[in-house]
Amino acid sequence: KKKEGGGGGGGGPPSAEEIAAMKAAKQAEIEKKLIKDVTKEGGKKGVEIEGAADMGGLEFFCTTMEKPDGEVKYLKMSMDAMNEVPDPDGEERRGGSGHVGKMIFSAGTEAMSM
């Protein structure tokens, strides 16, 4: 059963190169979604931290992030989103806590980072 009419006829199973390309494309799509989720979570947490700092003179804050799942590179992306300067014309406010020191934790089933 072939869904697409690929060139060359033959109707046989996909080659190892085609399988590898399909896996790489799917992995890239998954990572793109994860990066979007990580930066969204970080931006929202940044707004929360900024609000707490403005109300009570907060200088340091400890928090956890769920989406990075213990991976350092995603945790750093999350921190960058927290520290991002908010866009005054933006639809939704994100970031804004660059002036607050943070200790950020993330734990997954296979890794933990801070």
C-alpha atoms as a PDB file:
ATOM      1  CA  LYS A   1       0.000   0.000   0.000  1.00  0.00           C
ATOM      2  CA  LYS A   2       1.676   3.142  -1.162  1.00  0.00           C
ATOM      3  CA  LYS A   3       0.090   6.481  -0.279  1.00  0.00           C
ATOM      4  CA  GLU A   4       2.166   8.636  -2.605  1.00  0.00           C
ATOM      5  CA  GLY A   5       2.939   7.955  -6.203  1.00  0.00           C
ATOM      6  CA  GLY A   6       6.727   8.167  -5.983  1.00  0.00           C
ATOM      7  CA  GLY A   7       8.758   8.181  -9.161  1.00  0.00           C
ATOM      8  CA  GLY A   8      10.510   5.087 -10.450  1.00  0.00           C
ATOM      9  CA  GLY A   9       7.618   2.649  -9.948  1.00  0.00           C
ATOM     10  CA  GLY A  10       8.607  -0.537  -8.167  1.00  0.00           C
ATOM     11  CA  GLY A  11       6.228  -0.208  -5.187  1.00  0.00           C
ATOM     12  CA  GLY A  12       8.804  -1.878  -2.897  1.00  0.00           C
ATOM     13  CA  PRO A  13       9.589  -0.942   0.685  1.00  0.00           C
ATOM     14  CA  PRO A  14      11.414   2.340   1.338  1.00  0.00           C
ATOM     15  CA  SER A  15      15.182   2.272   1.292  1.00  0.00           C
ATOM     16  CA  ALA A  16      17.312   2.774   4.408  1.00  0.00           C
ATOM     17  CA  GLU A  17      18.097   6.325   3.265  1.00  0.00           C
ATOM     18  CA  GLU A  18      14.397   7.134   2.867  1.00  0.00           C
ATOM     19  CA  ILE A  19      13.629   5.718   6.321  1.00  0.00           C
ATOM     20  CA  ALA A  20      16.473   7.744   7.850  1.00  0.00           C
ATOM     21  CA  ALA A  21      15.222  10.901   6.108  1.00  0.00           C
ATOM     22  CA  MET A  22      11.668  10.326   7.370  1.00  0.00           C
ATOM     23  CA  LYS A  23      12.929   9.767  10.937  1.00  0.00           C
ATOM     24  CA  ALA A  24      15.088  12.910  10.782  1.00  0.00           C
ATOM     25  CA  ALA A  25      12.160  14.984   9.496  1.00  0.00           C
ATOM     26  CA  LYS A  26       9.867  13.695  12.240  1.00  0.00           C
ATOM     27  CA  GLN A  27      12.532  14.344  14.919  1.00  0.00           C
ATOM     28  CA  ALA A  28      13.061  17.893  13.612  1.00  0.00           C
ATOM     29  CA  GLU A  29       9.307  18.513  13.802  1.00  0.00           C
ATOM     30  CA  ILE A  30       9.172  17.202  17.391  1.00  0.00           C
ATOM     31  CA  GLU A  31      12.142  19.365  18.420  1.00  0.00           C
ATOM     32  CA  LYS A  32      10.621  22.462  16.811  1.00  0.00           C
ATOM     33  CA  LYS A  33       7.414  21.963  18.838  1.00  0.00           C
ATOM     34  CA  LEU A  34       9.423  21.335  22.022  1.00  0.00           C
ATOM     35  CA  ILE A  35      11.444  24.536  21.531  1.00  0.00           C
ATOM     36  CA  LYS A  36       8.206  26.478  21.059  1.00  0.00           C
ATOM     37  CA  ASP A  37       6.745  24.964  24.256  1.00  0.00           C
ATOM     38  CA  VAL A  38       9.952  25.590  26.238  1.00  0.00           C
ATOM     39  CA  THR A  39      10.186  29.252  25.232  1.00  0.00           C
ATOM     40  CA  LYS A  40       6.471  29.787  25.891  1.00  0.00           C
ATOM     41  CA  GLU A  41       6.750  28.292  29.387  1.00  0.00           C
ATOM     42  CA  GLY A  42       9.894  30.354  30.096  1.00  0.00           C
ATOM     43  CA  GLY A  43       8.296  33.570  28.891  1.00  0.00           C
ATOM     44  CA  LYS A  44       5.231  33.067  31.062  1.00  0.00           C
ATOM     45  CA  LYS A  45       7.346  32.191  34.107  1.00  0.00           C
ATOM     46  CA  GLY A  46       9.418  35.336  33.462  1.00  0.00           C
ATOM     47  CA  VAL A  47       6.291  37.478  33.648  1.00  0.00           C
ATOM     48  CA  GLU A  48       5.317  35.815  36.951  1.00  0.00           C
ATOM     49  CA  ILE A  49       8.781  36.421  38.409  1.00  0.00           C
ATOM     50  CA  GLU A  50       8.788  40.040  37.232  1.00  0.00           C
ATOM     51  CA  GLY A  51       5.399  40.619  38.878  1.00  0.00           C
ATOM     52  CA  ALA A  52       6.561  39.098  42.170  1.00  0.00           C
ATOM     53  CA  ALA A  53       9.748  41.190  42.076  1.00  0.00           C
ATOM     54  CA  ASP A  54       7.829  44.401  41.417  1.00  0.00           C
ATOM     55  CA  MET A  55       5.451  43.746  44.309  1.00  0.00           C
ATOM     56  CA  GLY A  56       7.938  42.689  46.955  1.00  0.00           C
ATOM     57  CA  GLY A  57      11.449  43.774  46.051  1.00  0.00           C
ATOM     58  CA  LEU A  58      12.479  40.270  45.051  1.00  0.00           C
ATOM     59  CA  GLU A  59      16.132  39.914  43.991  1.00  0.00           C
ATOM     60  CA  PHE A  60      16.525  36.123  43.665  1.00  0.00           C
ATOM     61  CA  PHE A  61      14.066  33.393  42.757  1.00  0.00           C
ATOM     62  CA  CYS A  62      14.135  29.559  42.679  1.00  0.00           C
ATOM     63  CA  THR A  63      11.729  27.757  40.361  1.00  0.00           C
ATOM     64  CA  THR A  64      11.181  24.617  38.315  1.00  0.00           C
ATOM     65  CA  MET A  65      10.505  24.225  34.623  1.00  0.00           C
ATOM     66  CA  GLU A  66       8.554  21.251  33.317  1.00  0.00           C
ATOM     67  CA  LYS A  67       9.006  21.366  29.528  1.00  0.00           C
ATOM     68  CA  PRO A  68      12.837  21.067  29.333  1.00  0.00           C
ATOM     69  CA  ASP A  69      12.511  17.581  30.898  1.00  0.00           C
ATOM     70  CA  GLY A  70      15.948  17.808  32.497  1.00  0.00           C
ATOM     71  CA  GLU A  71      17.828  18.751  29.305  1.00  0.00           C
ATOM     72  CA  VAL A  72      20.326  21.594  29.839  1.00  0.00           C
ATOM     73  CA  LYS A  73      20.042  23.072  26.333  1.00  0.00           C
ATOM     74  CA  TYR A  74      16.264  23.432  26.662  1.00  0.00           C
ATOM     75  CA  LEU A  75      16.566  24.787  30.202  1.00  0.00           C
ATOM     76  CA  LYS A  76      18.911  27.487  28.891  1.00  0.00           C
ATOM     77  CA  MET A  77      16.377  28.357  26.171  1.00  0.00           C
ATOM     78  CA  SER A  78      13.753  28.637  28.883  1.00  0.00           C
ATOM     79  CA  MET A  79      15.974  30.974  30.924  1.00  0.00           C
ATOM     80  CA  ASP A  80      16.652  33.099  27.843  1.00  0.00           C
ATOM     81  CA  ALA A  81      12.887  33.416  27.321  1.00  0.00           C
ATOM     82  CA  MET A  82      12.466  34.483  30.976  1.00  0.00           C
ATOM     83  CA  ASN A  83      15.105  37.193  30.590  1.00  0.00           C
ATOM     84  CA  GLU A  84      13.879  38.465  27.225  1.00  0.00           C
ATOM     85  CA  VAL A  85      12.935  42.134  27.092  1.00  0.00           C
ATOM     86  CA  PRO A  86       9.141  42.230  26.651  1.00  0.00           C
ATOM     87  CA  ASP A  87       7.696  43.591  23.420  1.00  0.00           C
ATOM     88  CA  PRO A  88       5.508  46.583  24.368  1.00  0.00           C
ATOM     89  CA  ASP A  89       3.386  46.078  21.234  1.00  0.00           C
ATOM     90  CA  GLY A  90       3.181  42.301  21.679  1.00  0.00           C
ATOM     91  CA  GLU A  91      -0.123  40.502  21.921  1.00  0.00           C
ATOM     92  CA  GLU A  92       0.883  38.576  25.029  1.00  0.00           C
ATOM     93  CA  ARG A  93       3.510  39.706  27.529  1.00  0.00           C
ATOM     94  CA  ARG A  94       6.517  37.370  27.847  1.00  0.00           C
ATOM     95  CA  GLY A  95       9.815  37.525  29.744  1.00  0.00           C
ATOM     96  CA  GLY A  96      10.871  40.630  31.617  1.00  0.00           C
ATOM     97  CA  SER A  97      12.673  39.094  34.591  1.00  0.00           C
ATOM     98  CA  GLY A  98      16.246  39.709  33.499  1.00  0.00           C
ATOM     99  CA  HIS A  99      16.884  41.859  36.580  1.00  0.00           C
ATOM    100  CA  VAL A 100      16.109  38.970  38.980  1.00  0.00           C
ATOM    101  CA  GLY A 101      18.696  36.303  39.817  1.00  0.00           C
ATOM    102  CA  LYS A 102      17.342  32.804  39.249  1.00  0.00           C
ATOM    103  CA  MET A 103      18.021  29.200  40.162  1.00  0.00           C
ATOM    104  CA  ILE A 104      16.053  27.067  37.707  1.00  0.00           C
ATOM    105  CA  PHE A 105      15.558  23.313  38.032  1.00  0.00           C
ATOM    106  CA  SER A 106      14.223  20.813  35.543  1.00  0.00           C
ATOM    107  CA  ALA A 107      13.907  17.068  36.081  1.00  0.00           C
ATOM    108  CA  GLY A 108      12.910  14.350  33.656  1.00  0.00           C
ATOM    109  CA  THR A 109      12.940  10.572  33.701  1.00  0.00           C
ATOM    110  CA  GLU A 110      16.511  10.411  32.373  1.00  0.00           C
ATOM    111  CA  ALA A 111      18.127  13.707  33.386  1.00  0.00           C
ATOM    112  CA  MET A 112      18.047  16.590  35.835  1.00  0.00           C
ATOM    113  CA  SER A 113      19.565  20.011  35.306  1.00  0.00           C
ATOM    114  CA  MET A 114      19.829  23.341  37.064  1.00  0.00           C
END
